[in-house]
Amino acid sequence: MSATIGELEARASALAAKFPDLLVEAQHVAQTVSHGIHGRRRAGSGETFWQFRQFEQSDSAMTIDWRRSAGSDHLFVREREWEAAHSIWIWLDMSPSMHFCSHLCGHTKLERAIVLTLAIADLLTRGGERVGLLGGRLLSGRGAVPRLAEAIAQNLQSNRSAHNIPPDVEISRFSECILLSDFLSDDTELSIRLDNLAGQGVLGHLVQVLDPAEETLPYEGHTEFVASEGGDKVVTGRAETLRALYQDRMQSHRRALQSMARRLQWSFLLHHSDRPPEQALLALHNRMAGYESDYRYRASSQPLAIRSNESATRP
């Protein structure tokens, strides 16, 4: 359905008014997922033992654990868990296409993406991490999530974040970023922006949020399709005849996204907005907890071994 600028502004204002409810939902989702999960563990300076690993040429001889190495043909290093706060930047796509909601789902993609944003921020700040909107400032502590929600609401009402690709910003090396979007944008432009982020030594996670109708094209008969961005129209007398070709195009586009993520050694997660948000949140948290220990900040030029997860896809 077509939407004017005024209609989009009205939608944004209405969505901003829902933020108290969305914040409550996000906190409930985070509390549900937090039971049974462990904190994100990273090697670094600290007092808590994490794991043994084989000695590498770049390691100091002082780090060798001689007791562990004595019973083996290899030298082992004792690693400790990193206790310093980590920086996680979140980009939330607020472009017009994210306002889409079909008859198969009771909320927009943007509403679901907001809930996931606030829920993962809740989990991370409880673990002592610092979070912030990409291009904004980092927040920490108990008041971080409400302040993050307020910043998102302000961006919605001011229309400052209505772009469908992440902003071109500089962030510190070894930070982490989470990008939530439908990613229904130009592959080339998106690839350039992701390359810029990854080139700064940043670990990233792509979370594609789609309405179920955008996967299945469940329409039949005479149908008019209107692009959310640009207003282009396609009218067909038998929408069902487009289904196979449309689904092929969507799968091809997703493969391109997965290829981008694989090339950058980032993770990729697909979430349908009619599914429980807990599924996506748990999958994302597991990505962040397990992927980081294998990542080693691009120490290897080989593709990473990808851990499987039933609730999401990985490149």
Protein backbone atom coordinates (compact mmCIF):
# COMPACT_ATOMS: atom_id res chain seq x y z
CA MET A 1 0.00 0.00 0.00
CA SER A 2 1.29 3.44 -0.90
CA ALA A 3 2.10 5.93 1.85
CA THR A 4 2.74 9.66 1.69
CA ILE A 5 5.33 11.46 3.80
CA GLY A 6 2.54 12.67 6.07
CA GLU A 7 1.26 9.14 6.53
CA LEU A 8 4.72 7.86 7.34
CA GLU A 9 5.18 10.64 9.90
CA ALA A 10 1.82 9.70 11.45
CA ARG A 11 2.91 6.06 11.63
CA ALA A 12 6.19 7.05 13.26
CA SER A 13 4.40 9.17 15.85
CA ALA A 14 1.93 6.38 16.57
CA LEU A 15 4.78 3.91 16.94
CA ALA A 16 6.69 6.24 19.25
CA ALA A 17 3.57 6.42 21.44
CA LYS A 18 3.73 2.62 21.80
CA PHE A 19 7.22 2.69 23.28
CA PRO A 20 6.18 2.08 26.90
CA ASP A 21 4.46 -1.13 25.77
CA LEU A 22 7.36 -2.11 23.50
CA LEU A 23 9.82 -1.54 26.32
CA VAL A 24 7.80 -3.76 28.65
CA GLU A 25 7.63 -6.45 25.96
CA ALA A 26 11.37 -6.22 25.38
CA GLN A 27 12.12 -6.57 29.09
CA HIS A 28 9.80 -9.58 29.30
CA VAL A 29 11.51 -11.18 26.29
CA ALA A 30 14.94 -10.51 27.78
CA GLN A 31 13.96 -11.97 31.15
CA THR A 32 12.58 -15.08 29.45
CA VAL A 33 15.77 -15.65 27.49
CA SER A 34 18.13 -14.75 30.33
CA HIS A 35 17.19 -17.88 32.29
CA GLY A 36 19.61 -20.64 31.40
CA ILE A 37 22.07 -18.63 29.32
CA HIS A 38 25.59 -17.74 30.31
CA GLY A 39 27.39 -14.45 29.94
CA ARG A 40 29.52 -13.70 26.94
CA ARG A 41 33.01 -14.97 27.62
CA ARG A 42 36.04 -13.38 25.99
CA ALA A 43 39.75 -13.93 26.42
CA GLY A 44 41.65 -11.05 27.98
CA SER A 45 42.88 -9.57 31.23
CA GLY A 46 41.06 -10.82 34.30
CA GLU A 47 41.27 -13.23 37.19
CA THR A 48 38.72 -15.88 36.17
CA PHE A 49 40.06 -18.94 34.33
CA TRP A 50 38.45 -19.49 30.93
CA GLN A 51 40.23 -22.18 28.92
CA PHE A 52 43.52 -23.71 27.82
CA ARG A 53 44.70 -23.31 24.25
CA GLN A 54 47.86 -24.32 22.40
CA PHE A 55 50.83 -21.98 22.54
CA GLU A 56 51.30 -19.70 19.52
CA GLN A 57 54.47 -17.91 18.36
CA SER A 58 52.95 -14.54 19.25
CA ASP A 59 52.49 -15.60 22.89
CA SER A 60 54.92 -14.74 25.64
CA ALA A 61 56.73 -17.65 27.32
CA MET A 62 55.44 -16.28 30.63
CA THR A 63 51.89 -17.23 29.63
CA ILE A 64 52.69 -20.96 29.30
CA ASP A 65 50.99 -23.20 31.85
CA TRP A 66 53.80 -25.69 32.51
CA ARG A 67 51.69 -28.01 34.65
CA ARG A 68 49.11 -28.44 31.87
CA SER A 69 51.85 -28.74 29.24
CA ALA A 70 53.81 -31.39 31.16
CA GLY A 71 51.41 -34.17 30.25
CA SER A 72 51.32 -33.36 26.55
CA ASP A 73 53.54 -33.02 23.50
CA HIS A 74 52.27 -29.44 23.10
CA LEU A 75 52.64 -26.25 25.10
CA PHE A 76 49.42 -24.76 26.48
CA VAL A 77 48.47 -21.23 27.50
CA ARG A 78 46.00 -20.53 30.30
CA GLU A 79 43.51 -17.89 29.14
CA ARG A 80 41.52 -15.72 31.50
CA GLU A 81 38.10 -14.26 30.88
CA TRP A 82 38.05 -10.64 29.76
CA GLU A 83 36.44 -8.54 32.46
CA ALA A 84 36.48 -5.18 30.69
CA ALA A 85 33.20 -3.77 29.39
CA HIS A 86 32.68 -4.30 25.68
CA SER A 87 31.17 -1.78 23.24
CA ILE A 88 28.20 -2.90 21.16
CA TRP A 89 26.70 -0.57 18.57
CA ILE A 90 23.18 -1.19 17.24
CA TRP A 91 21.75 0.06 13.98
CA LEU A 92 17.99 -0.12 13.60
CA ASP A 93 16.54 0.36 10.10
CA MET A 94 13.65 2.84 10.38
CA SER A 95 13.09 3.31 6.66
CA PRO A 96 9.55 3.21 5.18
CA SER A 97 9.75 -0.47 4.22
CA MET A 98 10.12 -1.42 7.89
CA HIS A 99 6.61 -0.08 8.56
CA PHE A 100 5.12 -2.92 6.51
CA CYS A 101 2.66 -5.27 8.19
CA SER A 102 0.66 -7.91 6.31
CA HIS A 103 -2.53 -9.71 7.29
CA LEU A 104 -0.32 -12.61 8.43
CA CYS A 105 1.23 -10.61 11.26
CA GLY A 106 -0.22 -8.29 13.88
CA HIS A 107 2.69 -5.83 14.04
CA THR A 108 5.16 -4.12 11.72
CA LYS A 109 8.70 -5.27 11.09
CA LEU A 110 9.91 -2.09 12.78
CA GLU A 111 7.99 -2.85 15.98
CA ARG A 112 9.58 -6.30 16.13
CA ALA A 113 13.04 -4.87 15.37
CA ILE A 114 12.60 -2.33 18.19
CA VAL A 115 11.64 -5.07 20.64
CA LEU A 116 14.71 -7.10 19.64
CA THR A 117 16.94 -4.02 19.91
CA LEU A 118 15.79 -3.20 23.42
CA ALA A 119 15.79 -6.84 24.53
CA ILE A 120 19.37 -7.52 23.42
CA ALA A 121 20.42 -4.21 24.98
CA ASP A 122 18.79 -5.35 28.23
CA LEU A 123 20.71 -8.63 28.21
CA LEU A 124 24.00 -6.98 27.34
CA THR A 125 23.83 -4.19 29.90
CA ARG A 126 22.92 -6.70 32.60
CA GLY A 127 26.19 -8.41 31.71
CA GLY A 128 28.11 -5.17 32.17
CA GLU A 129 28.43 -4.26 28.49
CA ARG A 130 28.01 -0.81 26.95
CA VAL A 131 25.47 -0.34 24.16
CA GLY A 132 24.53 2.53 21.89
CA LEU A 133 22.87 3.40 18.61
CA LEU A 134 25.33 3.49 15.72
CA GLY A 135 26.36 7.11 15.36
CA GLY A 136 25.22 7.98 18.89
CA ARG A 137 26.85 7.44 22.27
CA LEU A 138 27.36 4.42 24.46
CA LEU A 139 25.16 3.74 27.47
CA SER A 140 25.57 1.43 30.42
CA GLY A 141 23.92 0.52 33.70
CA ARG A 142 20.31 0.02 34.71
CA GLY A 143 19.05 3.16 32.98
CA ALA A 144 20.63 2.35 29.62
CA VAL A 145 17.67 0.57 28.03
CA PRO A 146 15.02 3.26 28.78
CA ARG A 147 17.43 5.91 27.50
CA LEU A 148 18.04 3.83 24.38
CA ALA A 149 14.26 3.56 23.86
CA GLU A 150 13.93 7.31 24.24
CA ALA A 151 16.65 7.91 21.65
CA ILE A 152 14.92 5.56 19.18
CA ALA A 153 11.58 7.30 19.72
CA GLN A 154 13.17 10.71 19.13
CA ASN A 155 14.80 9.48 15.94
CA LEU A 156 11.47 8.12 14.73
CA GLN A 157 9.63 11.37 15.32
CA SER A 158 12.37 13.50 13.79
CA ASN A 159 12.79 11.14 10.80
CA ARG A 160 16.58 11.25 11.34
CA SER A 161 17.08 7.53 10.79
CA ALA A 162 14.92 6.80 7.76
CA HIS A 163 17.80 5.38 5.69
CA ASN A 164 17.85 1.76 4.62
CA ILE A 165 21.61 1.27 5.02
CA PRO A 166 23.78 1.85 8.10
CA PRO A 167 25.40 5.28 8.53
CA ASP A 168 29.01 5.83 7.52
CA VAL A 169 30.60 6.27 10.95
CA GLU A 170 33.90 5.51 12.65
CA ILE A 171 33.87 3.26 15.69
CA SER A 172 36.67 1.86 17.78
CA ARG A 173 38.47 -1.31 16.78
CA PHE A 174 37.26 -4.53 18.43
CA SER A 175 33.78 -3.10 18.95
CA GLU A 176 30.78 -5.13 17.92
CA CYS A 177 27.77 -4.04 15.88
CA ILE A 178 24.28 -5.46 15.44
CA LEU A 179 22.40 -4.40 12.31
CA LEU A 180 18.63 -5.02 12.26
CA SER A 181 16.83 -4.48 8.96
CA ASP A 182 14.83 -6.16 6.25
CA PHE A 183 17.91 -5.52 4.07
CA LEU A 184 15.66 -5.03 1.04
CA SER A 185 18.13 -2.52 -0.36
CA ASP A 186 20.74 -2.34 -3.07
CA ASP A 187 23.34 -5.05 -2.50
CA THR A 188 26.23 -2.97 -3.84
CA GLU A 189 25.62 0.05 -1.63
CA LEU A 190 25.07 -2.13 1.42
CA SER A 191 28.23 -4.14 0.71
CA ILE A 192 30.32 -0.95 0.56
CA ARG A 193 28.98 0.24 3.90
CA LEU A 194 29.55 -3.12 5.57
CA ASP A 195 33.09 -3.23 4.19
CA ASN A 196 33.74 0.17 5.77
CA LEU A 197 32.59 -1.09 9.17
CA ALA A 198 34.46 -4.38 8.96
CA GLY A 199 37.59 -2.55 7.79
CA GLN A 200 37.70 -0.83 11.17
CA GLY A 201 38.19 -4.18 12.90
CA VAL A 202 34.55 -4.50 13.93
CA LEU A 203 32.71 -7.78 14.48
CA GLY A 204 29.16 -7.65 13.13
CA HIS A 205 25.84 -9.47 13.19
CA LEU A 206 23.18 -9.06 10.49
CA VAL A 207 19.61 -9.64 11.66
CA GLN A 208 17.16 -9.73 8.76
CA VAL A 209 13.58 -9.10 9.90
CA LEU A 210 10.90 -10.01 7.35
CA ASP A 211 7.13 -10.16 7.36
CA PRO A 212 5.96 -13.70 6.46
CA ALA A 213 4.12 -12.32 3.43
CA GLU A 214 7.44 -11.06 2.07
CA GLU A 215 8.63 -14.65 1.93
CA THR A 216 5.55 -16.39 0.59
CA LEU A 217 3.72 -13.73 -1.48
CA PRO A 218 0.33 -15.14 -0.38
CA TYR A 219 -1.75 -12.95 -2.71
CA GLU A 220 -4.03 -14.13 -5.48
CA GLY A 221 -6.05 -12.54 -8.25
CA HIS A 222 -5.96 -8.87 -9.22
CA THR A 223 -3.40 -7.16 -6.99
CA GLU A 224 -1.59 -3.84 -7.01
CA PHE A 225 1.86 -3.82 -5.41
CA VAL A 226 3.26 -0.45 -4.35
CA ALA A 227 6.86 -0.03 -3.24
CA SER A 228 7.24 1.41 0.25
CA GLU A 229 10.20 3.45 -0.95
CA GLY A 230 9.91 5.21 -4.28
CA GLY A 231 6.23 4.51 -4.92
CA ASP A 232 6.77 2.23 -7.95
CA LYS A 233 3.67 0.19 -8.80
CA VAL A 234 3.10 -3.23 -10.31
CA VAL A 235 -0.44 -4.36 -11.20
CA THR A 236 -1.16 -7.98 -12.00
CA GLY A 237 -4.35 -9.83 -12.77
CA ARG A 238 -3.07 -13.09 -11.24
CA ALA A 239 -0.65 -12.45 -8.41
CA GLU A 240 -0.17 -16.16 -7.83
CA THR A 241 1.67 -16.47 -11.16
CA LEU A 242 4.46 -14.27 -9.78
CA ARG A 243 5.01 -16.36 -6.66
CA ALA A 244 7.70 -18.76 -7.91
CA LEU A 245 9.76 -16.04 -9.60
CA TYR A 246 9.39 -13.76 -6.58
CA GLN A 247 10.53 -16.44 -4.15
CA ASP A 248 13.54 -17.21 -6.34
CA ARG A 249 14.50 -13.52 -6.27
CA MET A 250 14.14 -13.37 -2.49
CA GLN A 251 16.29 -16.47 -2.01
CA SER A 252 18.91 -15.08 -4.36
CA HIS A 253 18.99 -11.83 -2.42
CA ARG A 254 19.38 -13.71 0.87
CA ARG A 255 22.25 -15.73 -0.53
CA ALA A 256 23.94 -12.46 -1.41
CA LEU A 257 23.49 -11.24 2.17
CA GLN A 258 24.86 -14.49 3.54
CA SER A 259 27.81 -14.22 1.18
CA MET A 260 28.56 -10.71 2.46
CA ALA A 261 28.44 -11.93 6.05
CA ARG A 262 30.63 -14.95 5.30
CA ARG A 263 33.22 -12.83 3.50
CA LEU A 264 33.46 -10.45 6.46
CA GLN A 265 33.37 -13.31 8.99
CA TRP A 266 30.16 -11.85 10.44
CA SER A 267 27.07 -13.77 11.50
CA PHE A 268 23.69 -13.75 9.76
CA LEU A 269 20.31 -14.36 11.36
CA LEU A 270 16.89 -14.51 9.68
CA HIS A 271 13.80 -13.72 11.74
CA HIS A 272 10.18 -13.70 10.59
CA SER A 273 8.07 -11.17 12.44
CA ASP A 274 5.25 -13.64 13.11
CA ARG A 275 7.60 -15.87 15.12
CA PRO A 276 8.22 -15.42 18.87
CA PRO A 277 10.88 -12.76 19.50
CA GLU A 278 12.50 -15.02 22.10
CA GLN A 279 13.70 -17.29 19.29
CA ALA A 280 15.59 -14.51 17.54
CA LEU A 281 16.95 -13.05 20.77
CA LEU A 282 18.32 -16.38 21.98
CA ALA A 283 19.86 -17.11 18.57
CA LEU A 284 21.47 -13.66 18.45
CA HIS A 285 22.81 -13.93 21.98
CA ASN A 286 24.27 -17.36 21.19
CA ARG A 287 25.89 -15.89 18.07
CA MET A 288 27.49 -13.15 20.13
CA ALA A 289 28.59 -15.49 22.92
CA GLY A 290 30.02 -18.28 20.77
CA TYR A 291 31.04 -16.52 17.60
CA GLU A 292 33.37 -14.11 19.35
CA SER A 293 35.60 -16.79 20.83
CA ASP A 294 36.22 -18.20 17.35
CA TYR A 295 36.53 -14.84 15.68
CA ARG A 296 39.92 -13.78 17.07
CA TYR A 297 39.52 -10.47 15.27
CA ARG A 298 40.44 -11.83 11.84
CA ALA A 299 43.62 -13.52 12.99
CA SER A 300 42.98 -16.19 10.36
CA SER A 301 42.27 -15.68 6.66
CA GLN A 302 40.22 -18.88 6.53
CA PRO A 303 36.39 -18.83 6.81
CA LEU A 304 35.13 -19.56 10.29
CA ALA A 305 33.45 -22.82 11.19
CA ILE A 306 29.80 -21.93 11.65
CA ARG A 307 27.89 -23.31 14.59
CA SER A 308 24.40 -24.52 13.79
CA ASN A 309 21.26 -23.20 15.48
CA GLU A 310 17.78 -24.48 14.83
CA SER A 311 16.06 -21.12 15.16
CA ALA A 312 18.05 -19.26 12.54
CA THR A 313 20.26 -19.57 9.51
CA ARG A 314 23.97 -18.89 9.33
CA PRO A 315 26.09 -18.11 6.30
